[in-house]
C-alpha atoms as a PDB file:
ATOM      1  CA  MET A   1      20.697  -2.871  22.302  1.00  0.00           C
ATOM      2  CA  LYS A   2      18.484  -5.851  21.536  1.00  0.00           C
ATOM      3  CA  HIS A   3      14.887  -5.305  20.527  1.00  0.00           C
ATOM      4  CA  ILE A   4      12.607  -7.710  22.365  1.00  0.00           C
ATOM      5  CA  ARG A   5       9.125  -6.881  21.121  1.00  0.00           C
ATOM      6  CA  THR A   6       7.156  -4.117  19.416  1.00  0.00           C
ATOM      7  CA  LEU A   7       3.712  -2.942  20.453  1.00  0.00           C
ATOM      8  CA  THR A   8       1.721  -0.621  18.182  1.00  0.00           C
ATOM      9  CA  LEU A   9      -0.547   1.730  20.106  1.00  0.00           C
ATOM     10  CA  ALA A  10      -2.396   3.413  17.241  1.00  0.00           C
ATOM     11  CA  GLY A  11      -5.722   1.857  18.196  1.00  0.00           C
ATOM     12  CA  ALA A  12      -5.638   3.386  21.707  1.00  0.00           C
ATOM     13  CA  CYS A  13      -5.436   6.933  20.419  1.00  0.00           C
ATOM     14  CA  ALA A  14      -8.448   8.454  22.070  1.00  0.00           C
ATOM     15  CA  ALA A  15      -7.510   7.557  25.620  1.00  0.00           C
ATOM     16  CA  ALA A  16      -3.837   7.974  26.243  1.00  0.00           C
ATOM     17  CA  LEU A  17      -1.532   8.535  23.312  1.00  0.00           C
ATOM     18  CA  LEU A  18       0.965  11.269  22.792  1.00  0.00           C
ATOM     19  CA  ALA A  19       0.077  14.489  21.065  1.00  0.00           C
ATOM     20  CA  GLY A  20       1.182  13.105  17.710  1.00  0.00           C
ATOM     21  CA  CYS A  21      -1.710  10.672  17.798  1.00  0.00           C
ATOM     22  CA  ASN A  22      -4.238  13.373  16.923  1.00  0.00           C
ATOM     23  CA  SER A  23      -2.358  14.036  13.701  1.00  0.00           C
ATOM     24  CA  GLY A  24      -2.699  10.448  12.587  1.00  0.00           C
ATOM     25  CA  GLU A  25       0.811   9.374  13.570  1.00  0.00           C
ATOM     26  CA  THR A  26       1.485   5.868  14.873  1.00  0.00           C
ATOM     27  CA  THR A  27       3.219   5.622  18.242  1.00  0.00           C
ATOM     28  CA  THR A  28       5.375   2.568  18.833  1.00  0.00           C
ATOM     29  CA  THR A  29       6.664   1.374  22.202  1.00  0.00           C
ATOM     30  CA  LYS A  30       9.637  -0.952  22.131  1.00  0.00           C
ATOM     31  CA  ARG A  31      10.927  -2.911  25.088  1.00  0.00           C
ATOM     32  CA  ILE A  32      14.683  -3.039  24.777  1.00  0.00           C
ATOM     33  CA  ILE A  33      17.564  -4.560  26.696  1.00  0.00           C
ATOM     34  CA  GLU A  34      20.198  -1.984  27.621  1.00  0.00           C
ATOM     35  CA  GLN A  35      23.569  -3.114  28.932  1.00  0.00           C
ATOM     36  CA  ALA A  36      25.175  -1.341  31.883  1.00  0.00           C
ATOM     37  CA  ALA A  37      27.259   1.590  30.682  1.00  0.00           C
ATOM     38  CA  THR A  38      30.082   1.733  33.231  1.00  0.00           C
ATOM     39  CA  ILE A  39      32.122  -0.727  35.289  1.00  0.00           C
ATOM     40  CA  PHE A  40      32.934   1.158  38.493  1.00  0.00           C
ATOM     41  CA  GLU A  41      34.695  -1.561  40.476  1.00  0.00           C
ATOM     42  CA  TYR A  42      35.748  -5.179  40.227  1.00  0.00           C
ATOM     43  CA  THR A  43      37.062  -6.574  43.496  1.00  0.00           C
ATOM     44  CA  PRO A  44      36.729 -10.352  43.558  1.00  0.00           C
ATOM     45  CA  ALA A  45      37.636 -12.485  46.518  1.00  0.00           C
ATOM     46  CA  PRO A  46      40.489 -14.935  45.941  1.00  0.00           C
ATOM     47  CA  GLY A  47      39.510 -17.861  43.765  1.00  0.00           C
ATOM     48  CA  GLN A  48      40.636 -20.436  41.239  1.00  0.00           C
ATOM     49  CA  PHE A  49      39.755 -18.228  38.246  1.00  0.00           C
ATOM     50  CA  ILE A  50      41.400 -15.023  39.528  1.00  0.00           C
ATOM     51  CA  ASN A  51      44.571 -13.964  37.648  1.00  0.00           C
ATOM     52  CA  GLU A  52      44.158 -16.959  35.329  1.00  0.00           C
ATOM     53  CA  PRO A  53      45.159 -16.419  31.655  1.00  0.00           C
ATOM     54  CA  LEU A  54      42.565 -18.975  30.576  1.00  0.00           C
ATOM     55  CA  SER A  55      39.937 -16.713  32.162  1.00  0.00           C
ATOM     56  CA  GLY A  56      41.154 -13.753  30.093  1.00  0.00           C
ATOM     57  CA  TYR A  57      43.576 -12.085  32.498  1.00  0.00           C
ATOM     58  CA  ASN A  58      46.507 -10.350  30.821  1.00  0.00           C
ATOM     59  CA  ASN A  59      48.546  -7.936  32.938  1.00  0.00           C
ATOM     60  CA  VAL A  60      45.555  -7.025  35.112  1.00  0.00           C
ATOM     61  CA  THR A  61      47.524  -5.330  37.883  1.00  0.00           C
ATOM     62  CA  THR A  62      45.585  -2.112  38.610  1.00  0.00           C
ATOM     63  CA  PRO A  63      41.950  -1.392  39.556  1.00  0.00           C
ATOM     64  CA  GLU A  64      41.519   0.405  36.226  1.00  0.00           C
ATOM     65  CA  ALA A  65      42.816  -2.614  34.311  1.00  0.00           C
ATOM     66  CA  ALA A  66      40.476  -4.838  36.323  1.00  0.00           C
ATOM     67  CA  CYS A  67      37.458  -2.745  35.259  1.00  0.00           C
ATOM     68  CA  ALA A  68      38.635  -2.800  31.641  1.00  0.00           C
ATOM     69  CA  TYR A  69      38.945  -6.590  31.872  1.00  0.00           C
ATOM     70  CA  VAL A  70      35.301  -6.837  32.970  1.00  0.00           C
ATOM     71  CA  ALA A  71      34.139  -4.526  30.174  1.00  0.00           C
ATOM     72  CA  GLN A  72      35.971  -6.604  27.571  1.00  0.00           C
ATOM     73  CA  ARG A  73      34.603  -9.868  28.926  1.00  0.00           C
ATOM     74  CA  PHE A  74      31.029  -8.549  29.058  1.00  0.00           C
ATOM     75  CA  ALA A  75      31.295  -7.273  25.495  1.00  0.00           C
ATOM     76  CA  SER A  76      32.113 -10.850  24.446  1.00  0.00           C
ATOM     77  CA  ARG A  77      29.412 -12.334  26.730  1.00  0.00           C
ATOM     78  CA  LEU A  78      32.119 -14.132  28.718  1.00  0.00           C
ATOM     79  CA  TYR A  79      32.174 -14.712  32.457  1.00  0.00           C
ATOM     80  CA  VAL A  80      34.043 -12.889  35.162  1.00  0.00           C
ATOM     81  CA  SER A  81      34.415 -14.703  38.463  1.00  0.00           C
ATOM     82  CA  LEU A  82      33.694 -12.972  41.766  1.00  0.00           C
ATOM     83  CA  GLY A  83      35.828 -15.536  43.611  1.00  0.00           C
ATOM     84  CA  GLY A  84      34.943 -16.838  47.049  1.00  0.00           C
ATOM     85  CA  TRP A  85      32.395 -15.303  49.394  1.00  0.00           C
ATOM     86  CA  GLY A  86      32.179 -11.505  49.334  1.00  0.00           C
ATOM     87  CA  GLY A  87      33.848 -10.707  46.014  1.00  0.00           C
ATOM     88  CA  TYR A  88      31.853  -8.185  43.999  1.00  0.00           C
ATOM     89  CA  LEU A  89      31.534  -5.918  41.000  1.00  0.00           C
ATOM     90  CA  VAL A  90      29.707  -2.576  40.635  1.00  0.00           C
ATOM     91  CA  VAL A  91      28.156  -1.245  37.439  1.00  0.00           C
ATOM     92  CA  GLY A  92      26.137   1.816  36.488  1.00  0.00           C
ATOM     93  CA  PHE A  93      23.584   2.704  33.830  1.00  0.00           C
ATOM     94  CA  SER A  94      23.620   5.706  31.508  1.00  0.00           C
ATOM     95  CA  SER A  95      20.380   7.034  33.033  1.00  0.00           C
ATOM     96  CA  PRO A  96      18.111   5.945  35.913  1.00  0.00           C
ATOM     97  CA  VAL A  97      16.293   2.640  35.513  1.00  0.00           C
ATOM     98  CA  PRO A  98      12.664   3.131  36.575  1.00  0.00           C
ATOM     99  CA  GLU A  99      10.705   0.636  38.630  1.00  0.00           C
ATOM    100  CA  ASN A 100       8.159  -0.585  36.106  1.00  0.00           C
ATOM    101  CA  GLY A 101       6.149  -3.397  37.644  1.00  0.00           C
ATOM    102  CA  GLY A 102       8.931  -5.985  38.006  1.00  0.00           C
ATOM    103  CA  GLY A 103      11.707  -7.710  36.119  1.00  0.00           C
ATOM    104  CA  GLU A 104      13.632  -4.533  35.290  1.00  0.00           C
ATOM    105  CA  LEU A 105      17.133  -5.880  35.986  1.00  0.00           C
ATOM    106  CA  LEU A 106      18.848  -8.643  34.051  1.00  0.00           C
ATOM    107  CA  ILE A 107      21.998 -10.439  35.180  1.00  0.00           C
ATOM    108  CA  ARG A 108      23.556 -13.049  32.941  1.00  0.00           C
ATOM    109  CA  GLY A 109      25.465 -15.856  34.641  1.00  0.00           C
ATOM    110  CA  ASN A 110      26.588 -19.290  33.499  1.00  0.00           C
ATOM    111  CA  SER A 111      24.495 -21.535  35.736  1.00  0.00           C
ATOM    112  CA  PHE A 112      23.127 -24.843  34.534  1.00  0.00           C
ATOM    113  CA  ASN A 113      21.511 -27.937  36.008  1.00  0.00           C
ATOM    114  CA  ASN A 114      23.363 -28.967  39.202  1.00  0.00           C
ATOM    115  CA  SER A 115      25.587 -25.866  38.983  1.00  0.00           C
ATOM    116  CA  SER A 116      24.309 -22.701  40.658  1.00  0.00           C
ATOM    117  CA  GLU A 117      26.659 -20.290  42.437  1.00  0.00           C
ATOM    118  CA  PRO A 118      24.215 -17.653  43.652  1.00  0.00           C
ATOM    119  CA  GLY A 119      25.192 -14.034  44.045  1.00  0.00           C
ATOM    120  CA  VAL A 120      23.373 -11.399  46.099  1.00  0.00           C
ATOM    121  CA  VAL A 121      22.247  -8.329  44.162  1.00  0.00           C
ATOM    122  CA  TYR A 122      22.130  -4.784  45.545  1.00  0.00           C
ATOM    123  CA  VAL A 123      20.852  -1.564  43.978  1.00  0.00           C
ATOM    124  CA  MET A 124      21.565   2.104  44.612  1.00  0.00           C
ATOM    125  CA  GLN A 125      20.079   5.451  43.640  1.00  0.00           C
ATOM    126  CA  ASP A 126      22.366   8.359  42.792  1.00  0.00           C
ATOM    127  CA  GLU A 127      20.888  10.360  45.659  1.00  0.00           C
ATOM    128  CA  ASN A 128      23.609  13.033  45.742  1.00  0.00           C
ATOM    129  CA  GLY A 129      23.678  13.366  41.965  1.00  0.00           C
ATOM    130  CA  ASN A 130      27.446  13.039  41.563  1.00  0.00           C
ATOM    131  CA  GLY A 131      27.331  10.081  39.181  1.00  0.00           C
ATOM    132  CA  LEU A 132      29.219   7.780  41.568  1.00  0.00           C
ATOM    133  CA  PRO A 133      28.036   4.730  43.556  1.00  0.00           C
ATOM    134  CA  ASP A 134      28.671   6.321  46.947  1.00  0.00           C
ATOM    135  CA  ASP A 135      25.171   6.430  48.434  1.00  0.00           C
ATOM    136  CA  THR A 136      23.125   3.662  50.132  1.00  0.00           C
ATOM    137  CA  TRP A 137      23.028   0.087  48.883  1.00  0.00           C
ATOM    138  CA  TYR A 138      19.719  -1.789  49.135  1.00  0.00           C
ATOM    139  CA  GLU A 139      19.650  -5.575  49.008  1.00  0.00           C
ATOM    140  CA  LEU A 140      17.196  -7.190  46.616  1.00  0.00           C
ATOM    141  CA  ARG A 141      15.195  -9.652  48.663  1.00  0.00           C
ATOM    142  CA  GLY A 142      15.383 -13.188  47.307  1.00  0.00           C
ATOM    143  CA  SER A 143      13.857 -16.495  48.334  1.00  0.00           C
ATOM    144  CA  GLU A 144      16.565 -17.158  50.971  1.00  0.00           C
ATOM    145  CA  TYR A 145      16.364 -13.755  52.658  1.00  0.00           C
ATOM    146  CA  ASP A 146      15.067 -15.112  55.980  1.00  0.00           C
ATOM    147  CA  ARG A 147      17.653 -17.938  56.041  1.00  0.00           C
ATOM    148  CA  SER A 148      20.648 -15.697  55.328  1.00  0.00           C
ATOM    149  CA  THR A 149      23.187 -13.962  57.562  1.00  0.00           C
ATOM    150  CA  HIS A 150      22.923 -10.245  56.833  1.00  0.00           C
ATOM    151  CA  ASP A 151      25.935  -8.965  58.774  1.00  0.00           C
ATOM    152  CA  TYR A 152      28.577 -11.464  57.707  1.00  0.00           C
ATOM    153  CA  ALA A 153      32.241 -10.466  57.302  1.00  0.00           C
ATOM    154  CA  ILE A 154      35.360 -12.250  56.133  1.00  0.00           C
ATOM    155  CA  THR A 155      39.065 -11.454  55.693  1.00  0.00           C
ATOM    156  CA  TYR A 156      41.424 -13.163  53.244  1.00  0.00           C
ATOM    157  CA  THR A 157      45.197 -13.086  53.752  1.00  0.00           C
ATOM    158  CA  ARG A 158      47.698 -12.927  50.910  1.00  0.00           C
ATOM    159  CA  PRO A 159      49.837 -16.098  50.825  1.00  0.00           C
ATOM    160  CA  SER A 160      53.488 -15.669  51.754  1.00  0.00           C
ATOM    161  CA  GLY A 161      54.672 -17.373  48.583  1.00  0.00           C
ATOM    162  CA  ALA A 162      53.629 -18.692  45.194  1.00  0.00           C
ATOM    163  CA  ASN A 163      51.337 -21.673  44.598  1.00  0.00           C
ATOM    164  CA  GLN A 164      49.791 -21.602  48.058  1.00  0.00           C
ATOM    165  CA  PRO A 165      46.141 -21.641  49.178  1.00  0.00           C
ATOM    166  CA  VAL A 166      44.570 -18.432  50.476  1.00  0.00           C
ATOM    167  CA  ALA A 167      43.572 -18.497  54.150  1.00  0.00           C
ATOM    168  CA  TRP A 168      40.431 -16.790  55.445  1.00  0.00           C
ATOM    169  CA  ARG A 169      38.812 -16.035  58.777  1.00  0.00           C
ATOM    170  CA  ASP A 170      35.348 -14.675  59.467  1.00  0.00           C
ATOM    171  CA  ARG A 171      33.835 -12.598  62.242  1.00  0.00           C
ATOM    172  CA  ASN A 172      32.377 -15.731  63.847  1.00  0.00           C
ATOM    173  CA  GLY A 173      35.840 -17.200  64.437  1.00  0.00           C
ATOM    174  CA  GLU A 174      35.601 -19.734  61.611  1.00  0.00           C
ATOM    175  CA  THR A 175      38.659 -20.275  59.436  1.00  0.00           C
ATOM    176  CA  GLY A 176      39.311 -21.972  56.145  1.00  0.00           C
ATOM    177  CA  GLU A 177      41.076 -21.584  52.845  1.00  0.00           C
ATOM    178  CA  ILE A 178      40.596 -21.141  49.135  1.00  0.00           C
ATOM    179  CA  ALA A 179      42.304 -24.337  48.031  1.00  0.00           C
ATOM    180  CA  ARG A 180      44.326 -24.673  44.883  1.00  0.00           C
ATOM    181  CA  ILE A 181      42.684 -26.691  42.121  1.00  0.00           C
ATOM    182  CA  GLY A 182      44.950 -28.721  39.871  1.00  0.00           C
ATOM    183  CA  GLU A 183      43.950 -27.304  36.495  1.00  0.00           C
ATOM    184  CA  HIS A 184      44.163 -23.682  37.694  1.00  0.00           C
ATOM    185  CA  THR A 185      47.930 -23.294  37.901  1.00  0.00           C
ATOM    186  CA  GLN A 186      48.464 -19.521  38.085  1.00  0.00           C
ATOM    187  CA  GLU A 187      50.870 -18.628  40.897  1.00  0.00           C
ATOM    188  CA  SER A 188      48.343 -16.776  43.048  1.00  0.00           C
ATOM    189  CA  TYR A 189      44.575 -16.798  43.501  1.00  0.00           C
ATOM    190  CA  TYR A 190      44.773 -13.457  45.368  1.00  0.00           C
ATOM    191  CA  PRO A 191      43.758 -10.504  43.087  1.00  0.00           C
ATOM    192  CA  ALA A 192      46.982  -9.085  41.617  1.00  0.00           C
ATOM    193  CA  TRP A 193      45.752  -5.472  41.701  1.00  0.00           C
ATOM    194  CA  VAL A 194      44.938  -5.484  45.431  1.00  0.00           C
ATOM    195  CA  GLU A 195      47.927  -3.958  47.227  1.00  0.00           C
ATOM    196  CA  ALA A 196      46.905  -4.758  50.810  1.00  0.00           C
ATOM    197  CA  ASP A 197      47.951  -8.074  52.332  1.00  0.00           C
ATOM    198  CA  GLU A 198      44.465  -8.529  53.780  1.00  0.00           C
ATOM    199  CA  LEU A 199      41.239  -8.248  51.823  1.00  0.00           C
ATOM    200  CA  SER A 200      38.004  -7.886  53.795  1.00  0.00           C
ATOM    201  CA  PHE A 201      34.357  -8.042  52.727  1.00  0.00           C
ATOM    202  CA  THR A 202      31.015  -7.545  54.456  1.00  0.00           C
ATOM    203  CA  GLY A 203      27.552  -8.437  53.247  1.00  0.00           C
ATOM    204  CA  VAL A 204      24.949 -11.190  53.068  1.00  0.00           C
ATOM    205  CA  ARG A 205      25.952 -14.812  53.438  1.00  0.00           C
ATOM    206  CA  LEU A 206      23.462 -17.140  51.766  1.00  0.00           C
ATOM    207  CA  PRO A 207      22.852 -20.690  53.022  1.00  0.00           C
ATOM    208  CA  GLU A 208      25.205 -23.354  51.710  1.00  0.00           C
ATOM    209  CA  ASN A 209      23.925 -25.035  48.566  1.00  0.00           C
ATOM    210  CA  LEU A 210      26.518 -27.789  48.098  1.00  0.00           C
ATOM    211  CA  ASP A 211      25.093 -31.268  47.858  1.00  0.00           C
ATOM    212  CA  GLU A 212      26.832 -34.564  47.119  1.00  0.00           C
ATOM    213  CA  LYS A 213      24.581 -36.681  44.932  1.00  0.00           C
ATOM    214  CA  GLU A 214      24.514 -39.048  42.005  1.00  0.00           C
ATOM    215  CA  VAL A 215      24.819 -37.301  38.643  1.00  0.00           C
ATOM    216  CA  ASP A 216      24.799 -39.456  35.509  1.00  0.00           C
ATOM    217  CA  GLY A 217      25.553 -42.555  37.573  1.00  0.00           C
ATOM    218  CA  THR A 218      28.483 -41.034  39.463  1.00  0.00           C
ATOM    219  CA  MET A 219      28.572 -39.523  42.944  1.00  0.00           C
ATOM    220  CA  SER A 220      29.687 -35.933  42.638  1.00  0.00           C
ATOM    221  CA  TRP A 221      29.234 -32.515  44.159  1.00  0.00           C
ATOM    222  CA  ALA A 222      26.408 -30.319  42.880  1.00  0.00           C
ATOM    223  CA  THR A 223      25.434 -26.757  43.735  1.00  0.00           C
ATOM    224  CA  THR A 224      21.665 -26.595  43.876  1.00  0.00           C
ATOM    225  CA  PRO A 225      19.674 -23.492  42.891  1.00  0.00           C
ATOM    226  CA  PHE A 226      17.620 -21.266  45.136  1.00  0.00           C
ATOM    227  CA  ALA A 227      14.023 -20.526  44.162  1.00  0.00           C
ATOM    228  CA  TRP A 228      14.411 -16.933  42.955  1.00  0.00           C
ATOM    229  CA  GLY A 229      16.109 -13.578  43.374  1.00  0.00           C
ATOM    230  CA  TYR A 230      19.840 -14.211  42.785  1.00  0.00           C
ATOM    231  CA  ALA A 231      22.485 -13.959  40.079  1.00  0.00           C
ATOM    232  CA  ASP A 232      24.099 -17.050  38.509  1.00  0.00           C
ATOM    233  CA  ASN A 233      21.223 -19.167  39.788  1.00  0.00           C
ATOM    234  CA  TYR A 234      19.508 -21.908  37.771  1.00  0.00           C
ATOM    235  CA  SER A 235      16.084 -20.761  38.904  1.00  0.00           C
ATOM    236  CA  SER A 236      12.893 -22.180  37.451  1.00  0.00           C
ATOM    237  CA  GLN A 237      11.161 -18.888  38.265  1.00  0.00           C
ATOM    238  CA  ASP A 238      13.365 -16.018  37.090  1.00  0.00           C
ATOM    239  CA  LEU A 239      15.964 -17.479  34.693  1.00  0.00           C
ATOM    240  CA  ILE A 240      14.795 -16.286  31.255  1.00  0.00           C
ATOM    241  CA  ASN A 241      16.906 -16.516  28.097  1.00  0.00           C
ATOM    242  CA  GLY A 242      20.077 -16.856  30.162  1.00  0.00           C
ATOM    243  CA  TYR A 243      19.328 -13.885  32.431  1.00  0.00           C
ATOM    244  CA  ASN A 244      18.180 -13.940  36.031  1.00  0.00           C
ATOM    245  CA  THR A 245      15.413 -11.340  35.869  1.00  0.00           C
ATOM    246  CA  LEU A 246      15.146  -9.320  39.077  1.00  0.00           C
ATOM    247  CA  SER A 247      12.817  -6.611  40.368  1.00  0.00           C
ATOM    248  CA  ILE A 248      13.615  -3.193  41.824  1.00  0.00           C
ATOM    249  CA  ALA A 249      10.476  -3.495  43.963  1.00  0.00           C
ATOM    250  CA  ASN A 250      12.235  -6.223  45.995  1.00  0.00           C
ATOM    251  CA  ALA A 251      14.794  -3.738  47.347  1.00  0.00           C
ATOM    252  CA  VAL A 252      14.782  -3.590  51.148  1.00  0.00           C
ATOM    253  CA  THR A 253      16.356  -1.404  53.797  1.00  0.00           C
ATOM    254  CA  ALA A 254      18.771  -2.723  56.412  1.00  0.00           C
ATOM    255  CA  ASP A 255      15.882  -3.839  58.650  1.00  0.00           C
ATOM    256  CA  GLY A 256      14.111  -5.664  55.830  1.00  0.00           C
ATOM    257  CA  SER A 257      11.457  -3.037  55.161  1.00  0.00           C
ATOM    258  CA  PRO A 258      10.527  -2.217  51.548  1.00  0.00           C
ATOM    259  CA  ALA A 259      12.774   0.537  50.200  1.00  0.00           C
ATOM    260  CA  ASN A 260      10.068   1.706  47.746  1.00  0.00           C
ATOM    261  CA  LEU A 261      12.587   2.850  45.164  1.00  0.00           C
ATOM    262  CA  GLN A 262      11.157   4.541  42.082  1.00  0.00           C
ATOM    263  CA  SER A 263      14.376   4.073  40.114  1.00  0.00           C
ATOM    264  CA  ILE A 264      17.988   2.957  40.487  1.00  0.00           C
ATOM    265  CA  ASP A 265      21.317   3.937  38.920  1.00  0.00           C
ATOM    266  CA  PHE A 266      23.829   1.333  40.131  1.00  0.00           C
ATOM    267  CA  VAL A 267      23.936  -2.435  40.680  1.00  0.00           C
ATOM    268  CA  LYS A 268      26.308  -4.521  42.780  1.00  0.00           C
ATOM    269  CA  VAL A 269      26.598  -8.303  42.499  1.00  0.00           C
ATOM    270  CA  GLN A 270      28.354 -10.096  45.362  1.00  0.00           C
ATOM    271  CA  SER A 271      29.375 -13.745  45.674  1.00  0.00           C
ATOM    272  CA  GLY A 272      26.923 -15.098  48.237  1.00  0.00           C
ATOM    273  CA  VAL A 273      27.875 -18.624  49.385  1.00  0.00           C
ATOM    274  CA  ASN A 274      30.893 -19.413  51.563  1.00  0.00           C
ATOM    275  CA  ALA A 275      31.460 -23.079  50.815  1.00  0.00           C
ATOM    276  CA  SER A 276      33.826 -25.358  48.922  1.00  0.00           C
ATOM    277  CA  ALA A 277      34.186 -29.004  48.036  1.00  0.00           C
ATOM    278  CA  PRO A 278      36.920 -31.322  46.769  1.00  0.00           C
ATOM    279  CA  LEU A 279      37.647 -31.124  43.042  1.00  0.00           C
ATOM    280  CA  ILE A 280      35.245 -28.222  42.368  1.00  0.00           C
ATOM    281  CA  GLY A 281      36.781 -25.749  44.821  1.00  0.00           C
ATOM    282  CA  GLU A 282      35.012 -22.652  46.120  1.00  0.00           C
ATOM    283  CA  VAL A 283      31.474 -21.655  45.221  1.00  0.00           C
ATOM    284  CA  SER A 284      32.067 -18.482  43.220  1.00  0.00           C
ATOM    285  CA  THR A 285      29.418 -16.382  41.485  1.00  0.00           C
ATOM    286  CA  ASP A 286      30.107 -15.789  37.793  1.00  0.00           C
ATOM    287  CA  VAL A 287      28.670 -12.846  35.862  1.00  0.00           C
ATOM    288  CA  CYS A 288      28.559 -12.490  32.071  1.00  0.00           C
ATOM    289  CA  GLY A 289      26.671  -9.190  31.901  1.00  0.00           C
ATOM    290  CA  VAL A 290      24.361  -6.772  33.701  1.00  0.00           C
ATOM    291  CA  ALA A 291      21.506  -5.095  31.872  1.00  0.00           C
ATOM    292  CA  CYS A 292      18.042  -3.585  32.270  1.00  0.00           C
ATOM    293  CA  TYR A 293      14.766  -3.502  30.404  1.00  0.00           C
ATOM    294  CA  ARG A 294      13.523  -0.148  29.166  1.00  0.00           C
ATOM    295  CA  ASN A 295      10.303   0.876  27.428  1.00  0.00           C
ATOM    296  CA  VAL A 296      11.187   3.300  24.650  1.00  0.00           C
ATOM    297  CA  THR A 297       8.475   5.226  22.824  1.00  0.00           C
ATOM    298  CA  GLU A 298       9.012   6.358  19.253  1.00  0.00           C
END
């Protein structure tokens, strides 16, 4: 855990301190960053970084090995790719994270100027108390909420042979593919630990953010940031010290109403943009860690 700041409360004794205050003790509140404790699932969509040794894959052929891969990468502050639209990971905290006025959740990506690959963030309470993320997911409203498709679905099909692109179709009848990119030469971009020949996702599709423009005197493709509320997003509003800082209070129900959650236990990050461009390939959310702020009193 990383200590962010220390606030000494000794001077406020008469009004609101703990019982120890009356005995002359000093009470200290520390705001700490706590990393997620458990990786529950890592199911990326096909993409140029999936199965790639250069991205840290080494015999990742089971769901358990995939979760271990994420844990190892996060421990080293390295990225994991969620692949094309819909790919996701699910993490959990050691104890509930309380809503505390905003900015409780921290998601580290690898965005930078002209390179944002926004991911949608969802939260869940452990309503049934079984320690598993099997209750209701609530989307965290971001700046593009009203411009997004909230019932999108897509299916990817395993290629019939090696070194082939991955075809997809969505529920609107659109089709496309995850194209192979020259420097990413692994035989398959389809997750090696997924046994089924079709891989389907549902969720929120964000607006496309690809833009061809001049960068350093050369025309190239850029992925522009959204204003706020997403992972792996070069936001001027919520990107702080490498983390997109998000608020539990922005959780909404399926109809967009405030969920009014007092705390959460689980977080899901899902690749949010279905778009690709020559040379750069698919827009794929990258995550380097998921954490929360806590106020700890000593």
